[in-house]
PDB file of N, CA and C in Angstrom:
ATOM      1  N   MET A   1       0.851  -1.098  -0.067  1.00  0.00           N
ATOM      2  CA  MET A   1      -0.002  -0.010   0.021  1.00  0.00           C
ATOM      3  C   MET A   1       0.941   1.253  -0.004  1.00  0.00           C
ATOM      4  N   LYS A   2       1.821   1.221   0.842  1.00  0.00           N
ATOM      5  CA  LYS A   2       2.813   2.432   0.991  1.00  0.00           C
ATOM      6  C   LYS A   2       3.516   2.687  -0.363  1.00  0.00           C
ATOM      7  N   GLU A   3       3.890   1.568  -0.992  1.00  0.00           N
ATOM      8  CA  GLU A   3       4.630   1.778  -2.277  1.00  0.00           C
ATOM      9  C   GLU A   3       3.664   2.403  -3.291  1.00  0.00           C
ATOM     10  N   HIS A   4       2.377   2.084  -3.335  1.00  0.00           N
ATOM     11  CA  HIS A   4       1.575   2.607  -4.390  1.00  0.00           C
ATOM     12  C   HIS A   4       1.263   4.056  -4.132  1.00  0.00           C
ATOM     13  N   VAL A   5       1.121   4.394  -2.813  1.00  0.00           N
ATOM     14  CA  VAL A   5       0.935   5.835  -2.498  1.00  0.00           C
ATOM     15  C   VAL A   5       2.171   6.646  -2.867  1.00  0.00           C
ATOM     16  N   GLN A   6       3.395   6.167  -2.550  1.00  0.00           N
ATOM     17  CA  GLN A   6       4.537   6.800  -2.988  1.00  0.00           C
ATOM     18  C   GLN A   6       4.686   6.995  -4.290  1.00  0.00           C
ATOM     19  N   ALA A   7       4.455   5.943  -5.123  1.00  0.00           N
ATOM     20  CA  ALA A   7       4.534   6.051  -6.698  1.00  0.00           C
ATOM     21  C   ALA A   7       3.504   7.217  -7.151  1.00  0.00           C
ATOM     22  N   LEU A   8       2.308   7.212  -6.495  1.00  0.00           N
ATOM     23  CA  LEU A   8       1.296   8.122  -6.979  1.00  0.00           C
ATOM     24  C   LEU A   8       1.862   9.583  -6.486  1.00  0.00           C
ATOM     25  N   ASN A   9       2.402   9.748  -5.402  1.00  0.00           N
ATOM     26  CA  ASN A   9       2.834  11.019  -5.032  1.00  0.00           C
ATOM     27  C   ASN A   9       4.036  11.449  -5.884  1.00  0.00           C
ATOM     28  N   SER A  10       4.997  10.564  -6.232  1.00  0.00           N
ATOM     29  CA  SER A  10       6.045  10.897  -7.127  1.00  0.00           C
ATOM     30  C   SER A  10       5.572  11.395  -8.448  1.00  0.00           C
ATOM     31  N   ALA A  11       4.540  10.707  -8.984  1.00  0.00           N
ATOM     32  CA  ALA A  11       4.032  10.979 -10.392  1.00  0.00           C
ATOM     33  C   ALA A  11       3.354  12.418 -10.267  1.00  0.00           C
ATOM     34  N   LEU A  12       2.756  12.724  -9.093  1.00  0.00           N
ATOM     35  CA  LEU A  12       2.123  14.037  -9.010  1.00  0.00           C
ATOM     36  C   LEU A  12       3.182  15.140  -8.848  1.00  0.00           C
ATOM     37  N   ARG A  13       4.318  14.890  -8.275  1.00  0.00           N
ATOM     38  CA  ARG A  13       5.305  15.815  -8.145  1.00  0.00           C
ATOM     39  C   ARG A  13       6.108  15.990  -9.411  1.00  0.00           C
ATOM     40  N   ARG A  14       6.207  15.071 -10.283  1.00  0.00           N
ATOM     41  CA  ARG A  14       6.971  15.058 -11.484  1.00  0.00           C
ATOM     42  C   ARG A  14       6.202  15.910 -12.492  1.00  0.00           C
ATOM     43  N   ARG A  15       4.940  15.467 -12.699  1.00  0.00           N
ATOM     44  CA  ARG A  15       4.035  16.223 -13.611  1.00  0.00           C
ATOM     45  C   ARG A  15       4.565  16.296 -14.965  1.00  0.00           C
ATOM     46  N   LYS A  16       5.235  15.168 -15.446  1.00  0.00           N
ATOM     47  CA  LYS A  16       5.812  15.124 -16.835  1.00  0.00           C
ATOM     48  C   LYS A  16       4.748  14.954 -17.866  1.00  0.00           C
ATOM     49  N   GLY A  17       3.817  14.321 -17.541  1.00  0.00           N
ATOM     50  CA  GLY A  17       2.788  14.121 -18.431  1.00  0.00           C
ATOM     51  C   GLY A  17       1.474  13.499 -17.908  1.00  0.00           C
ATOM     52  N   ASP A  18       0.374  13.934 -18.424  1.00  0.00           N
ATOM     53  CA  ASP A  18      -0.964  13.378 -17.935  1.00  0.00           C
ATOM     54  C   ASP A  18      -1.044  11.817 -17.936  1.00  0.00           C
ATOM     55  N   SER A  19      -0.389  11.237 -18.846  1.00  0.00           N
ATOM     56  CA  SER A  19      -0.439   9.784 -19.111  1.00  0.00           C
ATOM     57  C   SER A  19       0.180   9.078 -17.994  1.00  0.00           C
ATOM     58  N   SER A  20       1.266   9.616 -17.483  1.00  0.00           N
ATOM     59  CA  SER A  20       2.096   9.033 -16.273  1.00  0.00           C
ATOM     60  C   SER A  20       1.365   9.095 -15.054  1.00  0.00           C
ATOM     61  N   ILE A  21       0.700  10.243 -14.834  1.00  0.00           N
ATOM     62  CA  ILE A  21      -0.076  10.444 -13.664  1.00  0.00           C
ATOM     63  C   ILE A  21      -1.313   9.653 -13.691  1.00  0.00           C
ATOM     64  N   GLN A  22      -1.968   9.393 -14.943  1.00  0.00           N
ATOM     65  CA  GLN A  22      -3.128   8.739 -15.065  1.00  0.00           C
ATOM     66  C   GLN A  22      -2.903   7.122 -14.844  1.00  0.00           C
ATOM     67  N   ASP A  23      -1.844   6.731 -15.375  1.00  0.00           N
ATOM     68  CA  ASP A  23      -1.383   5.234 -15.166  1.00  0.00           C
ATOM     69  C   ASP A  23      -1.143   5.039 -13.756  1.00  0.00           C
ATOM     70  N   ASN A  24      -0.503   5.939 -12.951  1.00  0.00           N
ATOM     71  CA  ASN A  24      -0.350   5.747 -11.504  1.00  0.00           C
ATOM     72  C   ASN A  24      -1.565   5.762 -10.771  1.00  0.00           C
ATOM     73  N   ILE A  25      -2.522   6.670 -11.082  1.00  0.00           N
ATOM     74  CA  ILE A  25      -3.815   6.754 -10.471  1.00  0.00           C
ATOM     75  C   ILE A  25      -4.583   5.296 -10.766  1.00  0.00           C
ATOM     76  N   THR A  26      -4.588   4.983 -11.907  1.00  0.00           N
ATOM     77  CA  THR A  26      -5.318   3.771 -12.263  1.00  0.00           C
ATOM     78  C   THR A  26      -4.797   2.519 -11.609  1.00  0.00           C
ATOM     79  N   SER A  27      -3.404   2.493 -11.447  1.00  0.00           N
ATOM     80  CA  SER A  27      -2.768   1.440 -10.732  1.00  0.00           C
ATOM     81  C   SER A  27      -3.192   1.368  -9.290  1.00  0.00           C
ATOM     82  N   TYR A  28      -3.187   2.578  -8.696  1.00  0.00           N
ATOM     83  CA  TYR A  28      -3.536   2.707  -7.310  1.00  0.00           C
ATOM     84  C   TYR A  28      -4.967   2.360  -7.122  1.00  0.00           C
ATOM     85  N   ILE A  29      -5.814   2.661  -7.909  1.00  0.00           N
ATOM     86  CA  ILE A  29      -7.286   2.359  -7.607  1.00  0.00           C
ATOM     87  C   ILE A  29      -7.596   0.927  -7.808  1.00  0.00           C
ATOM     88  N   CYS A  30      -6.753   0.297  -8.857  1.00  0.00           N
ATOM     89  CA  CYS A  30      -6.839  -1.086  -8.956  1.00  0.00           C
ATOM     90  C   CYS A  30      -6.284  -1.925  -7.696  1.00  0.00           C
ATOM     91  N   PHE A  31      -5.178  -1.342  -7.226  1.00  0.00           N
ATOM     92  CA  PHE A  31      -4.657  -1.984  -6.048  1.00  0.00           C
ATOM     93  C   PHE A  31      -5.558  -1.863  -4.881  1.00  0.00           C
ATOM     94  N   LYS A  32      -6.166  -0.755  -4.709  1.00  0.00           N
ATOM     95  CA  LYS A  32      -7.099  -0.416  -3.589  1.00  0.00           C
ATOM     96  C   LYS A  32      -8.348  -1.319  -3.779  1.00  0.00           C
ATOM     97  N   LYS A  33      -8.870  -1.627  -4.854  1.00  0.00           N
ATOM     98  CA  LYS A  33      -9.954  -2.477  -4.916  1.00  0.00           C
ATOM     99  C   LYS A  33      -9.689  -3.887  -4.685  1.00  0.00           C
ATOM    100  N   LYS A  34      -8.411  -4.253  -5.119  1.00  0.00           N
ATOM    101  CA  LYS A  34      -8.020  -5.805  -4.725  1.00  0.00           C
ATOM    102  C   LYS A  34      -7.912  -5.813  -3.244  1.00  0.00           C
ATOM    103  N   ILE A  35      -7.344  -4.826  -2.579  1.00  0.00           N
ATOM    104  CA  ILE A  35      -7.154  -5.067  -1.112  1.00  0.00           C
ATOM    105  C   ILE A  35      -8.513  -5.058  -0.471  1.00  0.00           C
ATOM    106  N   LYS A  36      -9.493  -4.224  -0.863  1.00  0.00           N
ATOM    107  CA  LYS A  36     -10.831  -4.258  -0.352  1.00  0.00           C
ATOM    108  C   LYS A  36     -11.489  -5.668  -0.442  1.00  0.00           C
ATOM    109  N   LYS A  37     -11.401  -6.147  -1.654  1.00  0.00           N
ATOM    110  CA  LYS A  37     -11.931  -7.578  -2.006  1.00  0.00           C
ATOM    111  C   LYS A  37     -11.165  -8.551  -1.133  1.00  0.00           C
ATOM    112  N   GLU A  38      -9.940  -8.500  -0.859  1.00  0.00           N
ATOM    113  CA  GLU A  38      -9.187  -9.423  -0.108  1.00  0.00           C
ATOM    114  C   GLU A  38      -9.668  -9.329   1.305  1.00  0.00           C
ATOM    115  N   ASN A  39      -9.840  -8.180   1.840  1.00  0.00           N
ATOM    116  CA  ASN A  39     -10.263  -7.821   3.212  1.00  0.00           C
ATOM    117  C   ASN A  39     -11.680  -8.387   3.466  1.00  0.00           C
ATOM    118  N   LYS A  40     -12.610  -8.204   2.544  1.00  0.00           N
ATOM    119  CA  LYS A  40     -13.849  -8.802   2.652  1.00  0.00           C
ATOM    120  C   LYS A  40     -13.849 -10.217   2.733  1.00  0.00           C
ATOM    121  N   ARG A  41     -13.053 -10.879   1.888  1.00  0.00           N
ATOM    122  CA  ARG A  41     -12.893 -12.366   1.944  1.00  0.00           C
ATOM    123  C   ARG A  41     -12.381 -12.850   3.247  1.00  0.00           C
ATOM    124  N   LEU A  42     -11.300 -12.092   3.878  1.00  0.00           N
ATOM    125  CA  LEU A  42     -10.808 -12.504   4.983  1.00  0.00           C
ATOM    126  C   LEU A  42     -11.768 -12.388   6.210  1.00  0.00           C
ATOM    127  N   ILE A  43     -12.454 -11.234   6.219  1.00  0.00           N
ATOM    128  CA  ILE A  43     -13.495 -11.031   7.254  1.00  0.00           C
ATOM    129  C   ILE A  43     -14.610 -12.148   7.142  1.00  0.00           C
ATOM    130  N   SER A  44     -15.097 -12.521   5.962  1.00  0.00           N
ATOM    131  CA  SER A  44     -15.968 -13.651   5.813  1.00  0.00           C
ATOM    132  C   SER A  44     -15.419 -14.811   6.316  1.00  0.00           C
ATOM    133  N   THR A  45     -14.244 -15.198   6.105  1.00  0.00           N
ATOM    134  CA  THR A  45     -13.623 -16.411   6.610  1.00  0.00           C
ATOM    135  C   THR A  45     -13.479 -16.305   8.144  1.00  0.00           C
ATOM    136  N   LEU A  46     -13.145 -15.223   8.661  1.00  0.00           N
ATOM    137  CA  LEU A  46     -13.035 -15.092  10.137  1.00  0.00           C
ATOM    138  C   LEU A  46     -14.462 -15.274  10.836  1.00  0.00           C
ATOM    139  N   LYS A  47     -15.501 -14.827  10.171  1.00  0.00           N
ATOM    140  CA  LYS A  47     -16.864 -14.820  10.684  1.00  0.00           C
ATOM    141  C   LYS A  47     -17.236 -16.315  10.612  1.00  0.00           C
ATOM    142  N   GLN A  48     -16.920 -16.988   9.607  1.00  0.00           N
ATOM    143  CA  GLN A  48     -17.203 -18.437   9.592  1.00  0.00           C
ATOM    144  C   GLN A  48     -16.537 -19.212  10.606  1.00  0.00           C
ATOM    145  N   ILE A  49     -15.228 -18.900  10.894  1.00  0.00           N
ATOM    146  CA  ILE A  49     -14.476 -19.608  11.919  1.00  0.00           C
ATOM    147  C   ILE A  49     -15.169 -19.343  13.223  1.00  0.00           C
ATOM    148  N   ASP A  50     -15.556 -18.161  13.454  1.00  0.00           N
ATOM    149  CA  ASP A  50     -16.179 -17.670  14.710  1.00  0.00           C
ATOM    150  C   ASP A  50     -17.530 -18.444  14.832  1.00  0.00           C
ATOM    151  N   ASP A  51     -18.330 -18.545  13.869  1.00  0.00           N
ATOM    152  CA  ASP A  51     -19.613 -19.177  13.801  1.00  0.00           C
ATOM    153  C   ASP A  51     -19.500 -20.664  14.161  1.00  0.00           C
ATOM    154  N   ASN A  52     -18.290 -21.282  13.664  1.00  0.00           N
ATOM    155  CA  ASN A  52     -18.164 -22.704  13.842  1.00  0.00           C
ATOM    156  C   ASN A  52     -17.402 -23.042  15.067  1.00  0.00           C
ATOM    157  N   LYS A  53     -17.123 -22.078  15.871  1.00  0.00           N
ATOM    158  CA  LYS A  53     -16.195 -22.103  17.107  1.00  0.00           C
ATOM    159  C   LYS A  53     -15.018 -22.905  16.937  1.00  0.00           C
ATOM    160  N   PHE A  54     -14.216 -22.713  15.803  1.00  0.00           N
ATOM    161  CA  PHE A  54     -12.838 -23.291  15.727  1.00  0.00           C
ATOM    162  C   PHE A  54     -11.940 -22.558  16.596  1.00  0.00           C
ATOM    163  N   ILE A  55     -11.101 -23.299  16.986  1.00  0.00           N
ATOM    164  CA  ILE A  55     -10.045 -22.706  17.951  1.00  0.00           C
ATOM    165  C   ILE A  55      -8.742 -22.558  17.031  1.00  0.00           C
ATOM    166  N   ILE A  56      -8.202 -21.386  16.990  1.00  0.00           N
ATOM    167  CA  ILE A  56      -6.897 -21.128  16.215  1.00  0.00           C
ATOM    168  C   ILE A  56      -5.774 -20.996  17.225  1.00  0.00           C
ATOM    169  N   MET A  57      -4.735 -21.801  17.149  1.00  0.00           N
ATOM    170  CA  MET A  57      -3.724 -21.680  18.125  1.00  0.00           C
ATOM    171  C   MET A  57      -2.396 -21.304  17.390  1.00  0.00           C
ATOM    172  N   SER A  58      -1.674 -20.501  18.142  1.00  0.00           N
ATOM    173  CA  SER A  58      -0.397 -20.021  17.591  1.00  0.00           C
ATOM    174  C   SER A  58       0.569 -21.281  17.584  1.00  0.00           C
ATOM    175  N   PRO A  59       1.434 -21.387  16.595  1.00  0.00           N
ATOM    176  CA  PRO A  59       2.350 -22.512  16.314  1.00  0.00           C
ATOM    177  C   PRO A  59       3.223 -22.696  17.782  1.00  0.00           C
ATOM    178  N   THR A  60       3.482 -21.767  18.490  1.00  0.00           N
ATOM    179  CA  THR A  60       4.213 -21.940  19.778  1.00  0.00           C
ATOM    180  C   THR A  60       3.424 -22.666  20.738  1.00  0.00           C
ATOM    181  N   LEU A  61       2.138 -22.241  20.794  1.00  0.00           N
ATOM    182  CA  LEU A  61       1.145 -22.876  21.797  1.00  0.00           C
ATOM    183  C   LEU A  61       0.875 -24.279  21.447  1.00  0.00           C
ATOM    184  N   LEU A  62       0.782 -24.644  20.129  1.00  0.00           N
ATOM    185  CA  LEU A  62       0.554 -25.866  19.559  1.00  0.00           C
ATOM    186  C   LEU A  62       1.817 -26.761  19.808  1.00  0.00           C
ATOM    187  N   GLU A  63       2.930 -26.319  19.655  1.00  0.00           N
ATOM    188  CA  GLU A  63       4.306 -27.027  19.933  1.00  0.00           C
ATOM    189  C   GLU A  63       4.267 -27.295  21.529  1.00  0.00           C
ATOM    190  N   TYR A  64       3.923 -26.422  22.366  1.00  0.00           N
ATOM    191  CA  TYR A  64       3.931 -26.631  23.777  1.00  0.00           C
ATOM    192  C   TYR A  64       2.968 -27.740  24.115  1.00  0.00           C
ATOM    193  N   ILE A  65       1.635 -27.686  23.616  1.00  0.00           N
ATOM    194  CA  ILE A  65       0.773 -28.689  23.897  1.00  0.00           C
ATOM    195  C   ILE A  65       1.202 -30.138  23.476  1.00  0.00           C
ATOM    196  N   VAL A  66       1.816 -30.194  22.317  1.00  0.00           N
ATOM    197  CA  VAL A  66       2.499 -31.424  21.870  1.00  0.00           C
ATOM    198  C   VAL A  66       3.513 -31.846  22.734  1.00  0.00           C
ATOM    199  N   GLU A  67       4.426 -31.045  23.149  1.00  0.00           N
ATOM    200  CA  GLU A  67       5.463 -31.456  24.140  1.00  0.00           C
ATOM    201  C   GLU A  67       4.858 -31.846  25.481  1.00  0.00           C
ATOM    202  N   LEU A  68       3.933 -31.239  25.961  1.00  0.00           N
ATOM    203  CA  LEU A  68       3.187 -31.752  27.202  1.00  0.00           C
ATOM    204  C   LEU A  68       2.578 -33.146  26.904  1.00  0.00           C
ATOM    205  N   TRP A  69       2.005 -33.357  25.846  1.00  0.00           N
ATOM    206  CA  TRP A  69       1.307 -34.627  25.373  1.00  0.00           C
ATOM    207  C   TRP A  69       2.469 -35.706  25.422  1.00  0.00           C
ATOM    208  N   ASP A  70       3.492 -35.401  24.761  1.00  0.00           N
ATOM    209  CA  ASP A  70       4.706 -36.351  24.625  1.00  0.00           C
ATOM    210  C   ASP A  70       5.189 -36.757  26.015  1.00  0.00           C
ATOM    211  N   LYS A  71       5.256 -35.772  26.848  1.00  0.00           N
ATOM    212  CA  LYS A  71       5.858 -36.002  28.222  1.00  0.00           C
ATOM    213  C   LYS A  71       4.780 -36.889  29.017  1.00  0.00           C
ATOM    214  N   GLU A  72       3.605 -36.702  28.930  1.00  0.00           N
ATOM    215  CA  GLU A  72       2.594 -37.426  29.639  1.00  0.00           C
ATOM    216  C   GLU A  72       2.601 -38.960  28.997  1.00  0.00           C
ATOM    217  N   ILE A  73       2.734 -39.066  27.797  1.00  0.00           N
ATOM    218  CA  ILE A  73       2.744 -40.436  27.090  1.00  0.00           C
ATOM    219  C   ILE A  73       4.128 -41.131  27.612  1.00  0.00           C
ATOM    220  N   ALA A  74       5.183 -40.381  27.853  1.00  0.00           N
ATOM    221  CA  ALA A  74       6.482 -40.987  28.302  1.00  0.00           C
ATOM    222  C   ALA A  74       6.327 -41.369  29.740  1.00  0.00           C
ATOM    223  N   ARG A  75       5.575 -40.541  30.438  1.00  0.00           N
ATOM    224  CA  ARG A  75       5.513 -40.903  31.935  1.00  0.00           C
ATOM    225  C   ARG A  75       4.659 -42.118  32.080  1.00  0.00           C
ATOM    226  N   LYS A  76       3.482 -42.273  31.293  1.00  0.00           N
ATOM    227  CA  LYS A  76       2.715 -43.488  31.428  1.00  0.00           C
ATOM    228  C   LYS A  76       3.511 -44.704  30.923  1.00  0.00           C
ATOM    229  N   MET A  77       4.407 -44.519  29.886  1.00  0.00           N
ATOM    230  CA  MET A  77       5.102 -45.754  29.556  1.00  0.00           C
ATOM    231  C   MET A  77       6.186 -46.167  30.622  1.00  0.00           C
ATOM    232  N   LEU A  78       6.658 -45.224  31.332  1.00  0.00           N
ATOM    233  CA  LEU A  78       7.640 -45.535  32.381  1.00  0.00           C
ATOM    234  C   LEU A  78       6.946 -46.292  33.608  1.00  0.00           C
ATOM    235  N   LYS A  79       5.652 -45.813  33.765  1.00  0.00           N
ATOM    236  CA  LYS A  79       4.951 -46.432  34.934  1.00  0.00           C
ATOM    237  C   LYS A  79       4.615 -47.895  34.617  1.00  0.00           C
ATOM    238  N   LYS A  80       4.299 -48.148  33.273  1.00  0.00           N
ATOM    239  CA  LYS A  80       3.898 -49.459  32.835  1.00  0.00           C
ATOM    240  C   LYS A  80       5.218 -50.325  32.831  1.00  0.00           C
ATOM    241  N   ALA A  81       6.402 -49.746  32.555  1.00  0.00           N
ATOM    242  CA  ALA A  81       7.608 -50.551  32.576  1.00  0.00           C
ATOM    243  C   ALA A  81       8.079 -50.984  34.053  1.00  0.00           C
ATOM    244  N   GLU A  82       7.565 -50.296  35.017  1.00  0.00           N
ATOM    245  CA  GLU A  82       7.999 -50.501  36.369  1.00  0.00           C
ATOM    246  C   GLU A  82       7.231 -51.614  36.765  1.00  0.00           C
TER     247      GLU A  82
END
């Protein structure tokens, strides 16, 4: 987003020709529409996740849970071996 705004500002400062400015404006508008569309899609996905009550875990939390699970399994195996 920042790059598109900078390109648009640069084109406006240069003012070499209307076609250059028009191309940058068109590019910026196209980019903005794509971002809005992607945001709507992501919001829709988040709403579906919320409606279905899915739990999203960070990778570190998931790794921690797996580590605890492995320790518990190892502990149970040691008890059986005794």
